[in-house]
Amino acid sequence: MPDAAVATVAGFTVVSGAVAMLTGIAGLQGIHRLRRVGVEAWALVKQAGPATDDGPARPLLQYETRDGLVMQVRSPAPASRRHPLADGSLVRVRYDPDDPRELLLQGRERTTLEYVLVGAGAAFILLGAGLLLG
């Protein structure tokens, strides 16, 4: 049986791993749900403000829902060299018909980040369990 300090560290490790894993799973479920039930639309990229401390500025995407409502939301993914989001260009998005503010930039889903969270969470859970059992 490990001492109290090791058990405390192991407990925090397991809980942290579980939070990371659940965050990744929730993100993957959201992406898969939008791929399945989302409505495809073309969005106009509009210039965003200057970059912030959080990272590069995310441009605004303006699109029309099938109900005729014009939406303007921040891009869920920032522009990059590989995928520039130039002002005035058109990109394909999938939006949730129940909540059109929730959208997915097609081809820029960033599932790798979600899989990394799931994997890191599983590793932390196993590490914490090893500390408790070892």
N, C-alpha and C. Protein backbone atom coordinates (compact mmCIF):
# COMPACT_ATOMS: atom_id res chain seq x y z
N MET A 1 0.84 -1.18 0.00
CA MET A 1 0.00 0.00 0.00
C MET A 1 0.89 1.25 0.00
N PRO A 2 0.70 2.15 -0.97
CA PRO A 2 1.55 3.35 -1.02
C PRO A 2 1.23 4.29 0.13
N ASP A 3 2.23 5.13 0.43
CA ASP A 3 1.99 6.10 1.52
C ASP A 3 1.05 7.19 1.03
N ALA A 4 0.66 8.08 1.94
CA ALA A 4 -0.37 9.09 1.65
C ALA A 4 0.05 10.04 0.55
N ALA A 5 1.33 10.42 0.51
CA ALA A 5 1.79 11.37 -0.52
C ALA A 5 1.69 10.75 -1.91
N VAL A 6 2.12 9.50 -2.04
CA VAL A 6 2.05 8.82 -3.34
C VAL A 6 0.59 8.61 -3.74
N ALA A 7 -0.25 8.25 -2.80
CA ALA A 7 -1.67 8.05 -3.10
C ALA A 7 -2.32 9.35 -3.55
N THR A 8 -1.93 10.47 -2.93
CA THR A 8 -2.48 11.77 -3.33
C THR A 8 -2.06 12.14 -4.74
N VAL A 9 -0.78 11.97 -5.04
CA VAL A 9 -0.27 12.26 -6.39
C VAL A 9 -0.94 11.34 -7.40
N ALA A 10 -1.08 10.07 -7.07
CA ALA A 10 -1.72 9.12 -7.97
C ALA A 10 -3.18 9.50 -8.20
N GLY A 11 -3.87 9.93 -7.15
CA GLY A 11 -5.26 10.34 -7.29
C GLY A 11 -5.40 11.54 -8.22
N PHE A 12 -4.55 12.55 -8.03
CA PHE A 12 -4.58 13.72 -8.91
C PHE A 12 -4.23 13.34 -10.35
N THR A 13 -3.31 12.40 -10.52
CA THR A 13 -2.92 11.96 -11.86
C THR A 13 -4.10 11.27 -12.55
N VAL A 14 -4.78 10.41 -11.84
CA VAL A 14 -5.93 9.71 -12.41
C VAL A 14 -7.04 10.69 -12.76
N VAL A 15 -7.34 11.62 -11.87
CA VAL A 15 -8.41 12.58 -12.11
C VAL A 15 -8.06 13.48 -13.29
N SER A 16 -6.81 13.95 -13.35
CA SER A 16 -6.38 14.78 -14.48
C SER A 16 -6.48 14.02 -15.80
N GLY A 17 -6.07 12.77 -15.77
CA GLY A 17 -6.16 11.94 -16.97
C GLY A 17 -7.60 11.73 -17.40
N ALA A 18 -8.48 11.53 -16.43
CA ALA A 18 -9.90 11.33 -16.76
C ALA A 18 -10.50 12.59 -17.37
N VAL A 19 -10.14 13.76 -16.83
CA VAL A 19 -10.65 15.02 -17.39
C VAL A 19 -10.15 15.20 -18.83
N ALA A 20 -8.86 14.97 -19.07
CA ALA A 20 -8.31 15.11 -20.42
C ALA A 20 -8.97 14.12 -21.38
N MET A 21 -9.14 12.90 -20.94
CA MET A 21 -9.74 11.87 -21.79
C MET A 21 -11.19 12.21 -22.13
N LEU A 22 -11.95 12.63 -21.14
CA LEU A 22 -13.35 12.98 -21.39
C LEU A 22 -13.47 14.21 -22.29
N THR A 23 -12.55 15.16 -22.14
CA THR A 23 -12.56 16.34 -23.02
C THR A 23 -12.31 15.93 -24.47
N GLY A 24 -11.35 15.06 -24.68
CA GLY A 24 -11.07 14.58 -26.03
C GLY A 24 -12.23 13.80 -26.63
N ILE A 25 -12.84 12.95 -25.82
CA ILE A 25 -13.98 12.16 -26.29
C ILE A 25 -15.15 13.08 -26.65
N ALA A 26 -15.41 14.08 -25.82
CA ALA A 26 -16.50 15.02 -26.11
C ALA A 26 -16.22 15.79 -27.39
N GLY A 27 -14.98 16.20 -27.60
CA GLY A 27 -14.63 16.91 -28.84
C GLY A 27 -14.82 16.04 -30.07
N LEU A 28 -14.39 14.78 -29.98
CA LEU A 28 -14.57 13.85 -31.10
C LEU A 28 -16.04 13.59 -31.38
N GLN A 29 -16.83 13.46 -30.33
CA GLN A 29 -18.27 13.24 -30.53
C GLN A 29 -18.91 14.44 -31.21
N GLY A 30 -18.50 15.64 -30.82
CA GLY A 30 -19.04 16.84 -31.46
C GLY A 30 -18.68 16.92 -32.94
N ILE A 31 -17.44 16.58 -33.27
CA ILE A 31 -17.01 16.59 -34.67
C ILE A 31 -17.80 15.55 -35.46
N HIS A 32 -17.91 14.34 -34.94
CA HIS A 32 -18.63 13.29 -35.65
C HIS A 32 -20.12 13.62 -35.79
N ARG A 33 -20.70 14.26 -34.77
CA ARG A 33 -22.11 14.64 -34.85
C ARG A 33 -22.33 15.67 -35.95
N LEU A 34 -21.45 16.68 -36.01
CA LEU A 34 -21.61 17.69 -37.06
C LEU A 34 -21.36 17.11 -38.45
N ARG A 35 -20.46 16.15 -38.57
CA ARG A 35 -20.26 15.48 -39.86
C ARG A 35 -21.52 14.73 -40.28
N ARG A 36 -22.22 14.17 -39.29
CA ARG A 36 -23.40 13.34 -39.58
C ARG A 36 -24.66 14.17 -39.82
N VAL A 37 -24.95 15.13 -38.94
CA VAL A 37 -26.22 15.85 -39.04
C VAL A 37 -26.07 17.29 -39.50
N GLY A 38 -24.83 17.77 -39.64
CA GLY A 38 -24.61 19.16 -40.02
C GLY A 38 -25.06 19.45 -41.44
N VAL A 39 -25.43 20.69 -41.66
CA VAL A 39 -25.87 21.15 -42.98
C VAL A 39 -24.70 21.88 -43.62
N GLU A 40 -24.40 21.53 -44.85
CA GLU A 40 -23.28 22.14 -45.56
C GLU A 40 -23.67 23.50 -46.11
N ALA A 41 -22.73 24.44 -46.03
CA ALA A 41 -22.95 25.79 -46.55
C ALA A 41 -21.59 26.38 -46.94
N TRP A 42 -21.64 27.40 -47.79
CA TRP A 42 -20.44 28.16 -48.12
C TRP A 42 -20.41 29.38 -47.23
N ALA A 43 -19.23 29.67 -46.67
CA ALA A 43 -19.07 30.82 -45.77
C ALA A 43 -18.06 31.79 -46.36
N LEU A 44 -18.36 33.07 -46.23
CA LEU A 44 -17.47 34.14 -46.65
C LEU A 44 -16.54 34.47 -45.49
N VAL A 45 -15.23 34.49 -45.76
CA VAL A 45 -14.26 34.82 -44.73
C VAL A 45 -14.13 36.34 -44.66
N LYS A 46 -14.27 36.87 -43.45
CA LYS A 46 -14.16 38.32 -43.23
C LYS A 46 -12.99 38.60 -42.32
N GLN A 47 -12.34 39.71 -42.56
CA GLN A 47 -11.16 40.10 -41.79
C GLN A 47 -11.46 40.15 -40.30
N ALA A 48 -10.56 39.61 -39.52
CA ALA A 48 -10.70 39.66 -38.06
C ALA A 48 -9.81 40.77 -37.52
N GLY A 49 -9.93 41.03 -36.26
CA GLY A 49 -9.11 42.05 -35.62
C GLY A 49 -7.68 41.56 -35.47
N PRO A 50 -6.85 42.32 -34.77
CA PRO A 50 -5.46 41.94 -34.59
C PRO A 50 -5.33 40.69 -33.71
N ALA A 51 -4.17 40.04 -33.81
CA ALA A 51 -3.92 38.85 -33.01
C ALA A 51 -3.93 39.21 -31.53
N THR A 52 -4.35 38.25 -30.71
CA THR A 52 -4.40 38.46 -29.27
C THR A 52 -3.31 37.64 -28.60
N ASP A 53 -3.24 37.72 -27.28
CA ASP A 53 -2.26 36.93 -26.52
C ASP A 53 -2.57 35.44 -26.60
N ASP A 54 -3.82 35.10 -26.88
CA ASP A 54 -4.23 33.69 -26.96
C ASP A 54 -3.74 33.02 -28.23
N GLY A 55 -3.28 33.77 -29.21
CA GLY A 55 -2.82 33.20 -30.46
C GLY A 55 -3.26 34.07 -31.62
N PRO A 56 -3.18 33.52 -32.82
CA PRO A 56 -3.54 34.31 -33.99
C PRO A 56 -5.03 34.63 -34.01
N ALA A 57 -5.35 35.74 -34.65
CA ALA A 57 -6.76 36.15 -34.73
C ALA A 57 -7.53 35.15 -35.58
N ARG A 58 -8.73 34.86 -35.16
CA ARG A 58 -9.59 33.96 -35.93
C ARG A 58 -10.55 34.82 -36.74
N PRO A 59 -10.56 34.62 -38.05
CA PRO A 59 -11.45 35.44 -38.88
C PRO A 59 -12.91 35.13 -38.62
N LEU A 60 -13.76 36.02 -39.09
CA LEU A 60 -15.21 35.82 -39.00
C LEU A 60 -15.67 35.06 -40.23
N LEU A 61 -16.62 34.18 -40.05
CA LEU A 61 -17.22 33.44 -41.15
C LEU A 61 -18.69 33.84 -41.23
N GLN A 62 -19.10 34.26 -42.42
CA GLN A 62 -20.49 34.67 -42.62
C GLN A 62 -21.13 33.69 -43.61
N TYR A 63 -22.27 33.14 -43.20
CA TYR A 63 -22.97 32.17 -44.04
C TYR A 63 -24.47 32.29 -43.81
N GLU A 64 -25.21 31.73 -44.74
CA GLU A 64 -26.67 31.76 -44.65
C GLU A 64 -27.18 30.36 -44.37
N THR A 65 -28.06 30.24 -43.38
CA THR A 65 -28.64 28.96 -43.05
C THR A 65 -29.73 28.62 -44.06
N ARG A 66 -30.18 27.39 -44.03
CA ARG A 66 -31.23 27.00 -44.97
C ARG A 66 -32.55 27.69 -44.66
N ASP A 67 -32.67 28.27 -43.45
CA ASP A 67 -33.86 29.04 -43.07
C ASP A 67 -33.76 30.49 -43.52
N GLY A 68 -32.63 30.87 -44.15
CA GLY A 68 -32.46 32.24 -44.62
C GLY A 68 -31.83 33.18 -43.60
N LEU A 69 -31.43 32.66 -42.45
CA LEU A 69 -30.81 33.46 -41.41
C LEU A 69 -29.32 33.64 -41.74
N VAL A 70 -28.83 34.88 -41.71
CA VAL A 70 -27.42 35.14 -41.98
C VAL A 70 -26.68 35.11 -40.65
N MET A 71 -25.69 34.23 -40.56
CA MET A 71 -24.90 34.05 -39.34
C MET A 71 -23.49 34.59 -39.57
N GLN A 72 -22.91 35.12 -38.52
CA GLN A 72 -21.53 35.57 -38.56
C GLN A 72 -20.87 35.14 -37.26
N VAL A 73 -19.96 34.17 -37.34
CA VAL A 73 -19.30 33.63 -36.16
C VAL A 73 -17.79 33.56 -36.39
N ARG A 74 -17.06 33.49 -35.30
CA ARG A 74 -15.61 33.33 -35.39
C ARG A 74 -15.29 31.93 -35.88
N SER A 75 -14.24 31.83 -36.66
CA SER A 75 -13.81 30.54 -37.17
C SER A 75 -13.40 29.63 -36.03
N PRO A 76 -13.80 28.35 -36.07
CA PRO A 76 -13.38 27.44 -35.01
C PRO A 76 -11.89 27.09 -35.09
N ALA A 77 -11.25 27.36 -36.23
CA ALA A 77 -9.83 27.09 -36.41
C ALA A 77 -9.15 28.34 -36.94
N PRO A 78 -7.94 28.65 -36.45
CA PRO A 78 -7.24 29.82 -36.96
C PRO A 78 -6.68 29.56 -38.35
N ALA A 79 -6.36 30.63 -39.04
CA ALA A 79 -5.71 30.51 -40.34
C ALA A 79 -4.28 30.01 -40.14
N SER A 80 -3.78 29.29 -41.12
CA SER A 80 -2.41 28.81 -41.07
C SER A 80 -1.80 28.92 -42.46
N ARG A 81 -0.50 28.63 -42.56
CA ARG A 81 0.12 28.67 -43.89
C ARG A 81 -0.47 27.60 -44.79
N ARG A 82 -0.75 26.45 -44.21
CA ARG A 82 -1.31 25.35 -45.00
C ARG A 82 -2.76 25.61 -45.40
N HIS A 83 -3.51 26.25 -44.49
CA HIS A 83 -4.91 26.56 -44.74
C HIS A 83 -5.17 28.04 -44.46
N PRO A 84 -4.78 28.91 -45.38
CA PRO A 84 -5.03 30.33 -45.13
C PRO A 84 -6.52 30.64 -45.26
N LEU A 85 -6.96 31.55 -44.46
CA LEU A 85 -8.34 32.01 -44.53
C LEU A 85 -8.30 33.47 -44.95
N ALA A 86 -8.10 33.68 -46.24
CA ALA A 86 -7.93 35.02 -46.77
C ALA A 86 -9.25 35.77 -46.78
N ASP A 87 -9.16 37.06 -46.49
CA ASP A 87 -10.33 37.92 -46.49
C ASP A 87 -11.02 37.86 -47.86
N GLY A 88 -12.32 37.59 -47.88
CA GLY A 88 -13.09 37.54 -49.11
C GLY A 88 -13.16 36.17 -49.75
N SER A 89 -12.42 35.19 -49.23
CA SER A 89 -12.48 33.85 -49.81
C SER A 89 -13.70 33.10 -49.29
N LEU A 90 -14.03 32.01 -49.97
CA LEU A 90 -15.15 31.16 -49.56
C LEU A 90 -14.62 29.83 -49.05
N VAL A 91 -15.20 29.35 -47.96
CA VAL A 91 -14.85 28.05 -47.40
C VAL A 91 -16.13 27.28 -47.12
N ARG A 92 -16.00 25.94 -47.16
CA ARG A 92 -17.16 25.10 -46.85
C ARG A 92 -17.22 24.83 -45.36
N VAL A 93 -18.41 24.96 -44.81
CA VAL A 93 -18.63 24.68 -43.40
C VAL A 93 -19.81 23.74 -43.25
N ARG A 94 -19.90 23.11 -42.11
CA ARG A 94 -21.08 22.33 -41.73
C ARG A 94 -21.55 22.92 -40.41
N TYR A 95 -22.81 23.30 -40.35
CA TYR A 95 -23.35 23.90 -39.13
C TYR A 95 -24.47 23.03 -38.59
N ASP A 96 -24.69 23.17 -37.30
CA ASP A 96 -25.75 22.44 -36.62
C ASP A 96 -27.08 23.12 -36.93
N PRO A 97 -28.05 22.41 -37.51
CA PRO A 97 -29.32 23.05 -37.84
C PRO A 97 -30.09 23.52 -36.60
N ASP A 98 -29.85 22.89 -35.45
CA ASP A 98 -30.52 23.30 -34.21
C ASP A 98 -29.84 24.52 -33.57
N ASP A 99 -28.54 24.66 -33.76
CA ASP A 99 -27.79 25.80 -33.24
C ASP A 99 -26.78 26.22 -34.31
N PRO A 100 -27.18 27.10 -35.24
CA PRO A 100 -26.32 27.44 -36.37
C PRO A 100 -25.00 28.12 -36.00
N ARG A 101 -24.85 28.55 -34.75
CA ARG A 101 -23.57 29.14 -34.33
C ARG A 101 -22.49 28.08 -34.16
N GLU A 102 -22.89 26.83 -34.02
CA GLU A 102 -21.93 25.74 -33.88
C GLU A 102 -21.60 25.21 -35.26
N LEU A 103 -20.33 25.32 -35.66
CA LEU A 103 -19.97 24.90 -37.00
C LEU A 103 -18.63 24.23 -37.03
N LEU A 104 -18.36 23.64 -38.17
CA LEU A 104 -17.15 22.88 -38.42
C LEU A 104 -16.61 23.33 -39.76
N LEU A 105 -15.35 23.72 -39.82
CA LEU A 105 -14.71 24.04 -41.10
C LEU A 105 -14.31 22.72 -41.74
N GLN A 106 -14.86 22.42 -42.89
CA GLN A 106 -14.56 21.13 -43.51
C GLN A 106 -13.10 21.08 -43.94
N GLY A 107 -12.44 19.98 -43.60
CA GLY A 107 -11.04 19.80 -43.89
C GLY A 107 -10.12 20.35 -42.82
N ARG A 108 -10.66 21.01 -41.82
CA ARG A 108 -9.86 21.61 -40.73
C ARG A 108 -10.45 21.23 -39.37
N GLU A 109 -10.86 19.98 -39.23
CA GLU A 109 -11.56 19.55 -38.03
C GLU A 109 -10.66 19.44 -36.81
N ARG A 110 -9.36 19.30 -36.99
CA ARG A 110 -8.40 19.21 -35.89
C ARG A 110 -8.68 18.03 -34.97
N THR A 111 -8.96 16.87 -35.55
CA THR A 111 -9.21 15.68 -34.74
C THR A 111 -7.94 15.19 -34.06
N THR A 112 -6.77 15.53 -34.60
CA THR A 112 -5.52 15.09 -33.99
C THR A 112 -5.42 15.58 -32.55
N LEU A 113 -5.80 16.82 -32.31
CA LEU A 113 -5.77 17.36 -30.96
C LEU A 113 -6.67 16.55 -30.02
N GLU A 114 -7.83 16.18 -30.49
CA GLU A 114 -8.75 15.40 -29.66
C GLU A 114 -8.19 14.01 -29.37
N TYR A 115 -7.58 13.38 -30.38
CA TYR A 115 -6.97 12.06 -30.16
C TYR A 115 -5.79 12.15 -29.20
N VAL A 116 -5.02 13.24 -29.27
CA VAL A 116 -3.91 13.43 -28.33
C VAL A 116 -4.44 13.55 -26.91
N LEU A 117 -5.54 14.29 -26.72
CA LEU A 117 -6.14 14.40 -25.39
C LEU A 117 -6.60 13.04 -24.86
N VAL A 118 -7.22 12.25 -25.72
CA VAL A 118 -7.68 10.92 -25.30
C VAL A 118 -6.49 10.05 -24.93
N GLY A 119 -5.45 10.05 -25.77
CA GLY A 119 -4.27 9.24 -25.49
C GLY A 119 -3.52 9.68 -24.25
N ALA A 120 -3.33 10.98 -24.09
CA ALA A 120 -2.64 11.48 -22.90
C ALA A 120 -3.46 11.19 -21.64
N GLY A 121 -4.77 11.34 -21.75
CA GLY A 121 -5.62 11.02 -20.60
C GLY A 121 -5.52 9.57 -20.21
N ALA A 122 -5.53 8.68 -21.19
CA ALA A 122 -5.40 7.25 -20.90
C ALA A 122 -4.04 6.95 -20.27
N ALA A 123 -2.98 7.60 -20.77
CA ALA A 123 -1.65 7.39 -20.20
C ALA A 123 -1.59 7.86 -18.75
N PHE A 124 -2.19 8.99 -18.45
CA PHE A 124 -2.20 9.49 -17.07
C PHE A 124 -3.02 8.58 -16.15
N ILE A 125 -4.11 8.06 -16.66
CA ILE A 125 -4.91 7.13 -15.85
C ILE A 125 -4.09 5.88 -15.53
N LEU A 126 -3.41 5.34 -16.54
CA LEU A 126 -2.58 4.15 -16.31
C LEU A 126 -1.42 4.45 -15.36
N LEU A 127 -0.81 5.62 -15.52
CA LEU A 127 0.28 6.01 -14.63
C LEU A 127 -0.21 6.11 -13.18
N GLY A 128 -1.34 6.77 -12.98
CA GLY A 128 -1.90 6.88 -11.63
C GLY A 128 -2.27 5.54 -11.05
N ALA A 129 -2.84 4.67 -11.87
CA ALA A 129 -3.19 3.33 -11.39
C ALA A 129 -1.92 2.54 -11.02
N GLY A 130 -0.87 2.72 -11.82
CA GLY A 130 0.41 2.06 -11.51
C GLY A 130 0.99 2.55 -10.20
N LEU A 131 0.88 3.84 -9.95
CA LEU A 131 1.38 4.39 -8.68
C LEU A 131 0.58 3.83 -7.50
N LEU A 132 -0.72 3.70 -7.68
CA LEU A 132 -1.55 3.17 -6.58
C LEU A 132 -1.28 1.68 -6.32
N LEU A 133 -1.08 0.94 -7.41
CA LEU A 133 -0.90 -0.51 -7.25
C LEU A 133 0.55 -0.91 -6.96
N GLY A 134 1.49 -0.03 -7.33
CA GLY A 134 2.92 -0.38 -7.21
C GLY A 134 3.54 0.02 -5.99
